[in-house]
Amino acid sequence: MAKISFIIPVYNTAKYIAKCMDSVLGQTFSDIEIIIVDDGSTDGISPVLCDKYADKDTRVKVIHKANGGLMSAWIEGSKAATSDYLSYVDSDDWIDLDLAKELMAFTDPSFTDSEIISSNYIVEKAGERRKETQSLAPGIYMGKDLEELHSHILGDEVRPITMSRCMKLISRKLLMENLKYCNTDISMSEDVNIILPCLLDCKRLVIVKEGYFYHYRLVGSSIAHSYSPKLLTNLELTDKTFRSIFADKNIPDYDRQMDREYVIMLLIVLKNVLRSTDMGTIKGVREIFLSPDIRKKVMSTKVNITSRSNRLLYTCIRHPNAFTVSLCKLIISIYDKKTN
């Protein structure tokens, strides 16, 4: 039995698959299985490429399924996995060849069913390449240290640990026991569905020092970096879902944490609206941020914003006048042109 199952969801990513698969197949830790989940690709190429990798290497299994979205794809792969640990790689990303070896070195046999090992990552985008480090200090977290983490796991401008399912080893048993929280209707912050309950349940968390093993390719079609008219509705769904997770896990005083999280996620909603090509951007922003419920939440919730760009966005959601909206839209436009 392999020790690590790599889960790779695929949907019309033929031009990226080779780099991704080469990085996983070439792992210096060879005791792995690779489960590719073709989520109903329509490009006519991706499914064929997936099958070719399975034909060449017995460690590779391919699942072809009807399109159901990214979450449904990695869930399907997780259910098919047989290893004690799961690791996720999106098919447009890639990993260093020693990721598996390095992360396995931090595992503890006494916590095989209940631990998470997290590395750091590198954002790869045209015109931009930057290292991203977990805010939580490197080390091993157990007991009271984990309980303290639970009190601010969400709700800060920079989360203590990224909620991405990628760049990590996750105990399969831990993840499978929390699949019930995954709502496939969620398209923004969808990984929080599974990583939040796993972090609240895990008995041992390791943050690896340095360890920039994962390469996250930032593409313009990403939901967080392109316009989506459904983002605000999705935020309401995530807010309800995440509050229910905190309640089920008996985390005290989680409402304050989630109120802050809601306001911080509104910054993403604002950026999304600013990326719209609709001529009525100013009107659209004002309609959202002057609506009574959102206005009350924004004005009554204290959040600590430190980055210059987010401070401008935060000013905009508190004072959505023509000047601040226009300025934010201009800055977003310049940034997108520079890095795309």
C-alpha atoms as a PDB file:
ATOM      1  CA  MET A   1       0.000   0.000   0.000  1.00  0.00           C
ATOM      2  CA  ALA A   2       1.306   3.441  -0.939  1.00  0.00           C
ATOM      3  CA  LYS A   3       1.955   5.894   1.885  1.00  0.00           C
ATOM      4  CA  ILE A   4       0.754   9.006   0.045  1.00  0.00           C
ATOM      5  CA  SER A   5      -2.117   9.391  -2.404  1.00  0.00           C
ATOM      6  CA  PHE A   6      -1.767  12.381  -4.716  1.00  0.00           C
ATOM      7  CA  ILE A   7      -5.166  13.625  -5.901  1.00  0.00           C
ATOM      8  CA  ILE A   8      -5.117  15.632  -9.146  1.00  0.00           C
ATOM      9  CA  PRO A   9      -8.406  17.097 -10.438  1.00  0.00           C
ATOM     10  CA  VAL A  10      -8.383  17.835 -14.180  1.00  0.00           C
ATOM     11  CA  TYR A  11     -10.721  19.954 -16.247  1.00  0.00           C
ATOM     12  CA  ASN A  12      -9.603  21.192 -19.685  1.00  0.00           C
ATOM     13  CA  THR A  13      -6.032  21.777 -18.510  1.00  0.00           C
ATOM     14  CA  ALA A  14      -4.218  19.873 -21.269  1.00  0.00           C
ATOM     15  CA  LYS A  15      -1.536  22.532 -21.700  1.00  0.00           C
ATOM     16  CA  TYR A  16      -0.518  22.265 -18.034  1.00  0.00           C
ATOM     17  CA  ILE A  17      -0.862  18.537 -17.337  1.00  0.00           C
ATOM     18  CA  ALA A  18       2.635  17.494 -18.459  1.00  0.00           C
ATOM     19  CA  LYS A  19       4.420  19.858 -16.064  1.00  0.00           C
ATOM     20  CA  CYS A  20       2.123  18.866 -13.212  1.00  0.00           C
ATOM     21  CA  MET A  21       2.386  15.122 -13.815  1.00  0.00           C
ATOM     22  CA  ASP A  22       6.148  15.164 -14.354  1.00  0.00           C
ATOM     23  CA  SER A  23       6.557  16.845 -10.977  1.00  0.00           C
ATOM     24  CA  VAL A  24       4.433  14.218  -9.214  1.00  0.00           C
ATOM     25  CA  LEU A  25       5.736  11.144 -11.048  1.00  0.00           C
ATOM     26  CA  GLY A  26       9.300  12.314 -10.415  1.00  0.00           C
ATOM     27  CA  GLN A  27       8.980  12.422  -6.627  1.00  0.00           C
ATOM     28  CA  THR A  28      12.081  11.226  -4.824  1.00  0.00           C
ATOM     29  CA  PHE A  29       9.721   9.451  -2.411  1.00  0.00           C
ATOM     30  CA  SER A  30       8.325   6.762  -4.699  1.00  0.00           C
ATOM     31  CA  ASP A  31       5.869   5.015  -2.361  1.00  0.00           C
ATOM     32  CA  ILE A  32       2.913   6.912  -3.782  1.00  0.00           C
ATOM     33  CA  GLU A  33      -0.255   6.452  -5.778  1.00  0.00           C
ATOM     34  CA  ILE A  34      -1.601   9.105  -8.131  1.00  0.00           C
ATOM     35  CA  ILE A  35      -5.319   9.503  -8.711  1.00  0.00           C
ATOM     36  CA  ILE A  36      -6.263  11.728 -11.627  1.00  0.00           C
ATOM     37  CA  VAL A  37      -9.896  12.788 -11.678  1.00  0.00           C
ATOM     38  CA  ASP A  38     -11.073  13.975 -15.081  1.00  0.00           C
ATOM     39  CA  ASP A  39     -14.070  16.138 -14.204  1.00  0.00           C
ATOM     40  CA  GLY A  40     -15.861  15.813 -17.537  1.00  0.00           C
ATOM     41  CA  SER A  41     -13.271  17.668 -19.614  1.00  0.00           C
ATOM     42  CA  THR A  42     -14.640  18.902 -22.953  1.00  0.00           C
ATOM     43  CA  ASP A  43     -11.419  19.840 -24.759  1.00  0.00           C
ATOM     44  CA  GLY A  44     -11.015  16.373 -26.275  1.00  0.00           C
ATOM     45  CA  ILE A  45      -7.385  16.250 -25.148  1.00  0.00           C
ATOM     46  CA  SER A  46      -7.235  16.196 -21.352  1.00  0.00           C
ATOM     47  CA  PRO A  47      -9.026  12.813 -20.913  1.00  0.00           C
ATOM     48  CA  VAL A  48      -6.703  11.167 -23.445  1.00  0.00           C
ATOM     49  CA  LEU A  49      -3.607  12.553 -21.732  1.00  0.00           C
ATOM     50  CA  CYS A  50      -4.841  11.285 -18.353  1.00  0.00           C
ATOM     51  CA  ASP A  51      -5.259   7.765 -19.723  1.00  0.00           C
ATOM     52  CA  LYS A  52      -1.813   7.838 -21.311  1.00  0.00           C
ATOM     53  CA  TYR A  53      -0.208   8.454 -17.910  1.00  0.00           C
ATOM     54  CA  ALA A  54      -2.114   5.503 -16.447  1.00  0.00           C
ATOM     55  CA  ASP A  55      -0.931   3.299 -19.316  1.00  0.00           C
ATOM     56  CA  LYS A  56       2.694   4.234 -18.670  1.00  0.00           C
ATOM     57  CA  ASP A  57       2.833   4.004 -14.862  1.00  0.00           C
ATOM     58  CA  THR A  58       1.002   1.496 -12.666  1.00  0.00           C
ATOM     59  CA  ARG A  59       0.940   4.023  -9.792  1.00  0.00           C
ATOM     60  CA  VAL A  60      -1.506   6.161 -11.772  1.00  0.00           C
ATOM     61  CA  LYS A  61      -5.273   5.625 -11.647  1.00  0.00           C
ATOM     62  CA  VAL A  62      -7.750   7.667 -13.687  1.00  0.00           C
ATOM     63  CA  ILE A  63     -11.355   8.420 -12.815  1.00  0.00           C
ATOM     64  CA  HIS A  64     -13.561   9.877 -15.556  1.00  0.00           C
ATOM     65  CA  LYS A  65     -16.710  11.515 -14.224  1.00  0.00           C
ATOM     66  CA  ALA A  66     -19.418  13.918 -15.302  1.00  0.00           C
ATOM     67  CA  ASN A  67     -18.558  17.548 -14.671  1.00  0.00           C
ATOM     68  CA  GLY A  68     -19.410  18.571 -11.134  1.00  0.00           C
ATOM     69  CA  GLY A  69     -16.812  21.187 -10.276  1.00  0.00           C
ATOM     70  CA  LEU A  70     -13.445  21.166  -8.564  1.00  0.00           C
ATOM     71  CA  MET A  71     -14.745  20.132  -5.151  1.00  0.00           C
ATOM     72  CA  SER A  72     -16.657  17.162  -6.509  1.00  0.00           C
ATOM     73  CA  ALA A  73     -13.523  16.048  -8.381  1.00  0.00           C
ATOM     74  CA  TRP A  74     -11.139  15.992  -5.433  1.00  0.00           C
ATOM     75  CA  ILE A  75     -13.811  14.403  -3.233  1.00  0.00           C
ATOM     76  CA  GLU A  76     -14.146  11.576  -5.757  1.00  0.00           C
ATOM     77  CA  GLY A  77     -10.376  11.127  -5.782  1.00  0.00           C
ATOM     78  CA  SER A  78     -10.207  11.141  -1.991  1.00  0.00           C
ATOM     79  CA  LYS A  79     -12.780   8.371  -1.756  1.00  0.00           C
ATOM     80  CA  ALA A  80     -10.747   6.243  -4.154  1.00  0.00           C
ATOM     81  CA  ALA A  81      -7.462   6.780  -2.281  1.00  0.00           C
ATOM     82  CA  THR A  82      -5.938   3.939  -0.270  1.00  0.00           C
ATOM     83  CA  SER A  83      -3.025   5.652   1.500  1.00  0.00           C
ATOM     84  CA  ASP A  84      -2.805   6.975   5.051  1.00  0.00           C
ATOM     85  CA  TYR A  85      -2.023  10.471   3.776  1.00  0.00           C
ATOM     86  CA  LEU A  86      -3.560  12.581   1.034  1.00  0.00           C
ATOM     87  CA  SER A  87      -1.905  15.375  -0.902  1.00  0.00           C
ATOM     88  CA  TYR A  88      -3.645  17.530  -3.490  1.00  0.00           C
ATOM     89  CA  VAL A  89      -2.128  19.092  -6.595  1.00  0.00           C
ATOM     90  CA  ASP A  90      -4.272  21.100  -8.990  1.00  0.00           C
ATOM     91  CA  SER A  91      -3.502  20.198 -12.592  1.00  0.00           C
ATOM     92  CA  ASP A  92      -2.333  23.697 -13.554  1.00  0.00           C
ATOM     93  CA  ASP A  93       0.147  23.729 -10.645  1.00  0.00           C
ATOM     94  CA  TRP A  94       3.289  21.718  -9.952  1.00  0.00           C
ATOM     95  CA  ILE A  95       5.427  20.616  -7.013  1.00  0.00           C
ATOM     96  CA  ASP A  96       9.109  20.223  -6.220  1.00  0.00           C
ATOM     97  CA  LEU A  97      10.414  16.710  -6.662  1.00  0.00           C
ATOM     98  CA  ASP A  98      11.171  16.309  -2.963  1.00  0.00           C
ATOM     99  CA  LEU A  99       7.806  17.494  -1.577  1.00  0.00           C
ATOM    100  CA  ALA A 100       6.647  14.020  -0.565  1.00  0.00           C
ATOM    101  CA  LYS A 101       9.977  13.052   0.981  1.00  0.00           C
ATOM    102  CA  GLU A 102      10.310  16.284   2.929  1.00  0.00           C
ATOM    103  CA  LEU A 103       6.746  16.302   4.279  1.00  0.00           C
ATOM    104  CA  MET A 104       6.738  12.592   5.178  1.00  0.00           C
ATOM    105  CA  ALA A 105       9.808  13.224   7.356  1.00  0.00           C
ATOM    106  CA  PHE A 106       7.612  15.361   9.642  1.00  0.00           C
ATOM    107  CA  THR A 107       4.864  12.783  10.160  1.00  0.00           C
ATOM    108  CA  ASP A 108       4.435  10.930  13.466  1.00  0.00           C
ATOM    109  CA  PRO A 109       3.216   7.272  13.447  1.00  0.00           C
ATOM    110  CA  SER A 110       1.230   7.977  16.620  1.00  0.00           C
ATOM    111  CA  PHE A 111      -0.908  10.545  14.753  1.00  0.00           C
ATOM    112  CA  THR A 112      -1.347   8.880  11.360  1.00  0.00           C
ATOM    113  CA  ASP A 113      -5.122   9.339  11.588  1.00  0.00           C
ATOM    114  CA  SER A 114      -5.176  12.916  12.854  1.00  0.00           C
ATOM    115  CA  GLU A 115      -2.377  15.165  11.620  1.00  0.00           C
ATOM    116  CA  ILE A 116      -1.702  17.814   8.992  1.00  0.00           C
ATOM    117  CA  ILE A 117       1.758  18.679   7.665  1.00  0.00           C
ATOM    118  CA  SER A 118       1.872  22.006   5.834  1.00  0.00           C
ATOM    119  CA  SER A 119       4.594  23.492   3.673  1.00  0.00           C
ATOM    120  CA  ASN A 120       4.742  26.944   2.088  1.00  0.00           C
ATOM    121  CA  TYR A 121       4.287  27.830  -1.577  1.00  0.00           C
ATOM    122  CA  ILE A 122       5.333  30.015  -4.484  1.00  0.00           C
ATOM    123  CA  VAL A 123       2.859  32.042  -6.538  1.00  0.00           C
ATOM    124  CA  GLU A 124       3.702  31.758 -10.234  1.00  0.00           C
ATOM    125  CA  LYS A 125       2.182  34.337 -12.551  1.00  0.00           C
ATOM    126  CA  ALA A 126       3.282  36.142 -15.696  1.00  0.00           C
ATOM    127  CA  GLY A 127       5.355  39.090 -14.554  1.00  0.00           C
ATOM    128  CA  GLU A 128       5.233  38.003 -10.927  1.00  0.00           C
ATOM    129  CA  ARG A 129       6.818  35.279  -8.799  1.00  0.00           C
ATOM    130  CA  ARG A 130       6.664  35.478  -5.038  1.00  0.00           C
ATOM    131  CA  LYS A 131       7.125  33.247  -2.023  1.00  0.00           C
ATOM    132  CA  GLU A 132       4.197  32.957   0.371  1.00  0.00           C
ATOM    133  CA  THR A 133       4.903  31.832   3.939  1.00  0.00           C
ATOM    134  CA  GLN A 134       2.415  30.532   6.479  1.00  0.00           C
ATOM    135  CA  SER A 135       1.742  33.249   9.043  1.00  0.00           C
ATOM    136  CA  LEU A 136       1.845  30.681  11.833  1.00  0.00           C
ATOM    137  CA  ALA A 137       5.424  30.177  13.041  1.00  0.00           C
ATOM    138  CA  PRO A 138       7.143  26.943  11.978  1.00  0.00           C
ATOM    139  CA  GLY A 139       6.828  24.182  14.546  1.00  0.00           C
ATOM    140  CA  ILE A 140       4.625  21.439  15.956  1.00  0.00           C
ATOM    141  CA  TYR A 141       1.233  22.398  17.392  1.00  0.00           C
ATOM    142  CA  MET A 142      -0.695  20.148  19.757  1.00  0.00           C
ATOM    143  CA  GLY A 143      -3.032  20.435  22.731  1.00  0.00           C
ATOM    144  CA  LYS A 144      -3.421  23.981  24.091  1.00  0.00           C
ATOM    145  CA  ASP A 145      -1.470  25.456  21.169  1.00  0.00           C
ATOM    146  CA  LEU A 146      -4.078  24.087  18.780  1.00  0.00           C
ATOM    147  CA  GLU A 147      -6.915  25.346  20.973  1.00  0.00           C
ATOM    148  CA  GLU A 148      -5.417  28.832  20.897  1.00  0.00           C
ATOM    149  CA  LEU A 149      -5.186  28.623  17.091  1.00  0.00           C
ATOM    150  CA  HIS A 150      -8.890  27.774  16.906  1.00  0.00           C
ATOM    151  CA  SER A 151      -9.750  31.188  18.373  1.00  0.00           C
ATOM    152  CA  HIS A 152      -8.368  33.073  15.363  1.00  0.00           C
ATOM    153  CA  ILE A 153      -8.205  30.515  12.574  1.00  0.00           C
ATOM    154  CA  LEU A 154     -10.453  32.782  10.487  1.00  0.00           C
ATOM    155  CA  GLY A 155     -11.221  36.477  10.692  1.00  0.00           C
ATOM    156  CA  ASP A 156      -7.756  37.967  10.233  1.00  0.00           C
ATOM    157  CA  GLU A 157      -6.521  39.771   7.133  1.00  0.00           C
ATOM    158  CA  VAL A 158      -3.771  37.139   6.887  1.00  0.00           C
ATOM    159  CA  ARG A 159      -4.883  33.730   8.064  1.00  0.00           C
ATOM    160  CA  PRO A 160      -2.432  31.906  10.376  1.00  0.00           C
ATOM    161  CA  ILE A 161      -2.435  28.979   7.944  1.00  0.00           C
ATOM    162  CA  THR A 162      -3.673  28.950   4.383  1.00  0.00           C
ATOM    163  CA  MET A 163      -6.969  27.149   3.934  1.00  0.00           C
ATOM    164  CA  SER A 164      -5.883  25.563   0.661  1.00  0.00           C
ATOM    165  CA  ARG A 165      -6.051  21.747   0.586  1.00  0.00           C
ATOM    166  CA  CYS A 166      -2.845  21.851  -1.491  1.00  0.00           C
ATOM    167  CA  MET A 167       0.796  22.037  -0.221  1.00  0.00           C
ATOM    168  CA  LYS A 168      -0.124  19.703   2.647  1.00  0.00           C
ATOM    169  CA  LEU A 169      -0.168  16.118   3.803  1.00  0.00           C
ATOM    170  CA  ILE A 170      -3.521  15.382   5.433  1.00  0.00           C
ATOM    171  CA  SER A 171      -4.418  12.216   7.293  1.00  0.00           C
ATOM    172  CA  ARG A 172      -6.940  10.418   5.109  1.00  0.00           C
ATOM    173  CA  LYS A 173      -9.092   9.379   8.077  1.00  0.00           C
ATOM    174  CA  LEU A 174      -9.220  12.971   9.330  1.00  0.00           C
ATOM    175  CA  LEU A 175     -10.323  14.245   5.950  1.00  0.00           C
ATOM    176  CA  MET A 176     -12.872  11.514   5.262  1.00  0.00           C
ATOM    177  CA  GLU A 177     -14.571  12.095   8.599  1.00  0.00           C
ATOM    178  CA  ASN A 178     -15.120  15.740   7.646  1.00  0.00           C
ATOM    179  CA  LEU A 179     -16.319  15.346   4.052  1.00  0.00           C
ATOM    180  CA  LYS A 180     -19.875  15.849   5.310  1.00  0.00           C
ATOM    181  CA  TYR A 181     -19.190  19.587   5.557  1.00  0.00           C
ATOM    182  CA  CYS A 182     -18.367  19.983   1.858  1.00  0.00           C
ATOM    183  CA  ASN A 183     -21.030  21.914  -0.009  1.00  0.00           C
ATOM    184  CA  THR A 184     -20.481  21.648  -3.759  1.00  0.00           C
ATOM    185  CA  ASP A 185     -22.587  24.778  -4.328  1.00  0.00           C
ATOM    186  CA  ILE A 186     -19.728  26.840  -2.870  1.00  0.00           C
ATOM    187  CA  SER A 187     -17.300  28.240  -5.451  1.00  0.00           C
ATOM    188  CA  MET A 188     -15.409  30.830  -3.382  1.00  0.00           C
ATOM    189  CA  SER A 189     -13.294  29.684  -0.429  1.00  0.00           C
ATOM    190  CA  GLU A 190     -14.415  26.150  -1.228  1.00  0.00           C
ATOM    191  CA  ASP A 191     -11.335  24.578   0.364  1.00  0.00           C
ATOM    192  CA  VAL A 192     -12.315  26.075   3.727  1.00  0.00           C
ATOM    193  CA  ASN A 193     -15.201  23.575   3.662  1.00  0.00           C
ATOM    194  CA  ILE A 194     -12.741  20.772   4.351  1.00  0.00           C
ATOM    195  CA  ILE A 195      -9.601  22.379   5.784  1.00  0.00           C
ATOM    196  CA  LEU A 196     -11.429  24.285   8.528  1.00  0.00           C
ATOM    197  CA  PRO A 197     -13.045  21.198  10.123  1.00  0.00           C
ATOM    198  CA  CYS A 198      -9.847  19.195   9.635  1.00  0.00           C
ATOM    199  CA  LEU A 199      -7.805  21.847  11.435  1.00  0.00           C
ATOM    200  CA  LEU A 200     -10.364  22.001  14.234  1.00  0.00           C
ATOM    201  CA  ASP A 201     -10.216  18.211  14.648  1.00  0.00           C
ATOM    202  CA  CYS A 202      -6.539  17.453  14.055  1.00  0.00           C
ATOM    203  CA  LYS A 203      -4.409  16.433  17.042  1.00  0.00           C
ATOM    204  CA  ARG A 204      -1.078  17.414  15.515  1.00  0.00           C
ATOM    205  CA  LEU A 205      -0.266  20.240  13.110  1.00  0.00           C
ATOM    206  CA  VAL A 206       3.197  20.806  11.676  1.00  0.00           C
ATOM    207  CA  ILE A 207       4.237  24.020   9.931  1.00  0.00           C
ATOM    208  CA  VAL A 208       7.410  23.339   7.966  1.00  0.00           C
ATOM    209  CA  LYS A 209      10.151  25.961   8.032  1.00  0.00           C
ATOM    210  CA  GLU A 210      11.012  27.275   4.565  1.00  0.00           C
ATOM    211  CA  GLY A 211       9.730  24.381   2.427  1.00  0.00           C
ATOM    212  CA  TYR A 212       8.458  26.276  -0.625  1.00  0.00           C
ATOM    213  CA  PHE A 213       7.591  23.035  -2.372  1.00  0.00           C
ATOM    214  CA  TYR A 214       4.293  23.919  -4.034  1.00  0.00           C
ATOM    215  CA  HIS A 215       4.015  26.137  -7.118  1.00  0.00           C
ATOM    216  CA  TYR A 216       0.623  27.798  -7.490  1.00  0.00           C
ATOM    217  CA  ARG A 217      -0.027  29.005 -11.022  1.00  0.00           C
ATOM    218  CA  LEU A 218      -2.234  32.084 -10.889  1.00  0.00           C
ATOM    219  CA  VAL A 219      -4.377  32.222 -14.013  1.00  0.00           C
ATOM    220  CA  GLY A 220      -6.801  34.936 -15.075  1.00  0.00           C
ATOM    221  CA  SER A 221      -9.777  32.573 -15.096  1.00  0.00           C
ATOM    222  CA  SER A 222      -9.451  31.862 -11.388  1.00  0.00           C
ATOM    223  CA  ILE A 223     -12.695  32.669  -9.540  1.00  0.00           C
ATOM    224  CA  ALA A 224     -10.791  34.932  -7.150  1.00  0.00           C
ATOM    225  CA  HIS A 225      -9.107  36.878  -9.959  1.00  0.00           C
ATOM    226  CA  SER A 226     -11.869  37.355 -12.508  1.00  0.00           C
ATOM    227  CA  TYR A 227     -15.398  38.722 -12.487  1.00  0.00           C
ATOM    228  CA  SER A 228     -18.206  36.501 -11.207  1.00  0.00           C
ATOM    229  CA  PRO A 229     -21.703  37.956 -10.646  1.00  0.00           C
ATOM    230  CA  LYS A 230     -22.524  35.224  -8.107  1.00  0.00           C
ATOM    231  CA  LEU A 231     -19.742  35.983  -5.637  1.00  0.00           C
ATOM    232  CA  LEU A 232     -21.841  37.922  -3.126  1.00  0.00           C
ATOM    233  CA  THR A 233     -24.489  35.186  -3.020  1.00  0.00           C
ATOM    234  CA  ASN A 234     -21.695  32.666  -2.528  1.00  0.00           C
ATOM    235  CA  LEU A 235     -20.332  34.661   0.384  1.00  0.00           C
ATOM    236  CA  GLU A 236     -23.675  34.351   2.160  1.00  0.00           C
ATOM    237  CA  LEU A 237     -23.532  30.582   1.649  1.00  0.00           C
ATOM    238  CA  THR A 238     -19.962  30.245   2.914  1.00  0.00           C
ATOM    239  CA  ASP A 239     -20.745  32.377   5.952  1.00  0.00           C
ATOM    240  CA  LYS A 240     -23.635  30.109   6.923  1.00  0.00           C
ATOM    241  CA  THR A 241     -21.632  26.939   6.222  1.00  0.00           C
ATOM    242  CA  PHE A 242     -18.535  27.950   8.178  1.00  0.00           C
ATOM    243  CA  ARG A 243     -20.554  29.110  11.184  1.00  0.00           C
ATOM    244  CA  SER A 244     -22.218  25.700  11.294  1.00  0.00           C
ATOM    245  CA  ILE A 245     -18.786  24.019  11.272  1.00  0.00           C
ATOM    246  CA  PHE A 246     -17.618  26.107  14.234  1.00  0.00           C
ATOM    247  CA  ALA A 247     -20.835  25.307  16.090  1.00  0.00           C
ATOM    248  CA  ASP A 248     -20.505  21.560  15.441  1.00  0.00           C
ATOM    249  CA  LYS A 249     -16.924  21.600  16.697  1.00  0.00           C
ATOM    250  CA  ASN A 250     -17.935  23.496  19.868  1.00  0.00           C
ATOM    251  CA  ILE A 251     -15.568  26.411  19.274  1.00  0.00           C
ATOM    252  CA  PRO A 252     -16.381  29.210  21.754  1.00  0.00           C
ATOM    253  CA  ASP A 253     -17.181  32.756  20.632  1.00  0.00           C
ATOM    254  CA  TYR A 254     -16.906  31.889  16.937  1.00  0.00           C
ATOM    255  CA  ASP A 255     -19.445  34.538  15.860  1.00  0.00           C
ATOM    256  CA  ARG A 256     -16.967  37.387  16.385  1.00  0.00           C
ATOM    257  CA  GLN A 257     -14.408  35.485  14.352  1.00  0.00           C
ATOM    258  CA  MET A 258     -16.898  34.909  11.539  1.00  0.00           C
ATOM    259  CA  ASP A 259     -18.116  38.518  11.575  1.00  0.00           C
ATOM    260  CA  ARG A 260     -14.543  39.629  10.885  1.00  0.00           C
ATOM    261  CA  GLU A 261     -14.147  36.940   8.249  1.00  0.00           C
ATOM    262  CA  TYR A 262     -17.291  38.170   6.506  1.00  0.00           C
ATOM    263  CA  VAL A 263     -16.013  41.740   6.297  1.00  0.00           C
ATOM    264  CA  ILE A 264     -12.597  40.618   5.045  1.00  0.00           C
ATOM    265  CA  MET A 265     -14.225  38.467   2.371  1.00  0.00           C
ATOM    266  CA  LEU A 266     -16.222  41.524   1.305  1.00  0.00           C
ATOM    267  CA  LEU A 267     -12.896  42.941   0.107  1.00  0.00           C
ATOM    268  CA  ILE A 268     -12.752  40.064  -2.389  1.00  0.00           C
ATOM    269  CA  VAL A 269     -16.334  40.752  -3.410  1.00  0.00           C
ATOM    270  CA  LEU A 270     -15.388  44.387  -4.013  1.00  0.00           C
ATOM    271  CA  LYS A 271     -12.375  43.418  -6.141  1.00  0.00           C
ATOM    272  CA  ASN A 272     -14.615  41.087  -8.093  1.00  0.00           C
ATOM    273  CA  VAL A 273     -17.153  43.827  -8.855  1.00  0.00           C
ATOM    274  CA  LEU A 274     -14.362  46.242  -9.801  1.00  0.00           C
ATOM    275  CA  ARG A 275     -13.213  43.729 -12.435  1.00  0.00           C
ATOM    276  CA  SER A 276     -16.595  43.848 -14.127  1.00  0.00           C
ATOM    277  CA  THR A 277     -16.643  45.435 -17.589  1.00  0.00           C
ATOM    278  CA  ASP A 278     -20.110  46.775 -16.866  1.00  0.00           C
ATOM    279  CA  MET A 279     -20.265  50.554 -17.204  1.00  0.00           C
ATOM    280  CA  GLY A 280     -22.310  50.754 -14.009  1.00  0.00           C
ATOM    281  CA  THR A 281     -19.533  49.739 -11.620  1.00  0.00           C
ATOM    282  CA  ILE A 282     -19.950  52.689  -9.271  1.00  0.00           C
ATOM    283  CA  LYS A 283     -23.683  52.091  -9.034  1.00  0.00           C
ATOM    284  CA  GLY A 284     -23.122  48.370  -8.485  1.00  0.00           C
ATOM    285  CA  VAL A 285     -20.626  48.921  -5.657  1.00  0.00           C
ATOM    286  CA  ARG A 286     -22.905  51.419  -3.937  1.00  0.00           C
ATOM    287  CA  GLU A 287     -25.898  49.081  -4.184  1.00  0.00           C
ATOM    288  CA  ILE A 288     -23.955  46.329  -2.436  1.00  0.00           C
ATOM    289  CA  PHE A 289     -22.188  48.293   0.268  1.00  0.00           C
ATOM    290  CA  LEU A 290     -25.013  50.676   1.087  1.00  0.00           C
ATOM    291  CA  SER A 291     -27.543  47.863   1.488  1.00  0.00           C
ATOM    292  CA  PRO A 292     -28.710  47.871   5.133  1.00  0.00           C
ATOM    293  CA  ASP A 293     -27.500  44.406   6.208  1.00  0.00           C
ATOM    294  CA  ILE A 294     -24.016  44.724   4.709  1.00  0.00           C
ATOM    295  CA  ARG A 295     -23.660  48.348   5.811  1.00  0.00           C
ATOM    296  CA  LYS A 296     -24.482  47.364   9.395  1.00  0.00           C
ATOM    297  CA  LYS A 297     -21.984  44.478   9.347  1.00  0.00           C
ATOM    298  CA  VAL A 298     -19.196  46.623   7.885  1.00  0.00           C
ATOM    299  CA  MET A 299     -19.685  49.558  10.225  1.00  0.00           C
ATOM    300  CA  SER A 300     -20.149  47.517  13.415  1.00  0.00           C
ATOM    301  CA  THR A 301     -17.351  44.975  12.979  1.00  0.00           C
ATOM    302  CA  LYS A 302     -13.822  45.956  13.908  1.00  0.00           C
ATOM    303  CA  VAL A 303     -11.168  44.461  11.664  1.00  0.00           C
ATOM    304  CA  ASN A 304      -7.432  45.117  11.571  1.00  0.00           C
ATOM    305  CA  ILE A 305      -6.301  45.936   8.034  1.00  0.00           C
ATOM    306  CA  THR A 306      -2.576  46.486   7.556  1.00  0.00           C
ATOM    307  CA  SER A 307      -1.711  46.174   3.864  1.00  0.00           C
ATOM    308  CA  ARG A 308      -1.864  49.357   1.824  1.00  0.00           C
ATOM    309  CA  SER A 309      -4.019  47.874  -0.948  1.00  0.00           C
ATOM    310  CA  ASN A 310      -6.538  46.367   1.462  1.00  0.00           C
ATOM    311  CA  ARG A 311      -6.734  49.607   3.449  1.00  0.00           C
ATOM    312  CA  LEU A 312      -7.857  51.347   0.266  1.00  0.00           C
ATOM    313  CA  LEU A 313     -10.435  48.645  -0.433  1.00  0.00           C
ATOM    314  CA  TYR A 314     -11.611  48.784   3.177  1.00  0.00           C
ATOM    315  CA  THR A 315     -12.050  52.549   2.888  1.00  0.00           C
ATOM    316  CA  CYS A 316     -14.084  51.946  -0.237  1.00  0.00           C
ATOM    317  CA  ILE A 317     -16.518  49.500   1.381  1.00  0.00           C
ATOM    318  CA  ARG A 318     -16.993  51.899   4.294  1.00  0.00           C
ATOM    319  CA  HIS A 319     -17.273  54.979   2.068  1.00  0.00           C
ATOM    320  CA  PRO A 320     -18.444  53.756  -1.379  1.00  0.00           C
ATOM    321  CA  ASN A 321     -18.466  57.133  -3.096  1.00  0.00           C
ATOM    322  CA  ALA A 322     -17.627  57.800  -6.747  1.00  0.00           C
ATOM    323  CA  PHE A 323     -14.037  58.861  -6.020  1.00  0.00           C
ATOM    324  CA  THR A 324     -12.970  55.847  -3.922  1.00  0.00           C
ATOM    325  CA  VAL A 325     -14.704  53.367  -6.256  1.00  0.00           C
ATOM    326  CA  SER A 326     -13.115  54.902  -9.362  1.00  0.00           C
ATOM    327  CA  LEU A 327      -9.662  54.964  -7.755  1.00  0.00           C
ATOM    328  CA  CYS A 328      -9.913  51.309  -6.694  1.00  0.00           C
ATOM    329  CA  LYS A 329     -11.102  50.252 -10.144  1.00  0.00           C
ATOM    330  CA  LEU A 330      -8.167  52.033 -11.777  1.00  0.00           C
ATOM    331  CA  ILE A 331      -5.625  50.389  -9.470  1.00  0.00           C
ATOM    332  CA  ILE A 332      -7.135  46.916 -10.023  1.00  0.00           C
ATOM    333  CA  SER A 333      -7.021  47.462 -13.775  1.00  0.00           C
ATOM    334  CA  ILE A 334      -3.363  48.528 -13.715  1.00  0.00           C
ATOM    335  CA  TYR A 335      -2.415  45.552 -11.544  1.00  0.00           C
ATOM    336  CA  ASP A 336      -4.193  43.051 -13.799  1.00  0.00           C
ATOM    337  CA  LYS A 337      -2.547  44.442 -16.945  1.00  0.00           C
ATOM    338  CA  LYS A 338       0.866  44.297 -15.284  1.00  0.00           C
ATOM    339  CA  THR A 339       0.634  40.716 -14.068  1.00  0.00           C
ATOM    340  CA  ASN A 340      -1.322  39.071 -16.904  1.00  0.00           C
END
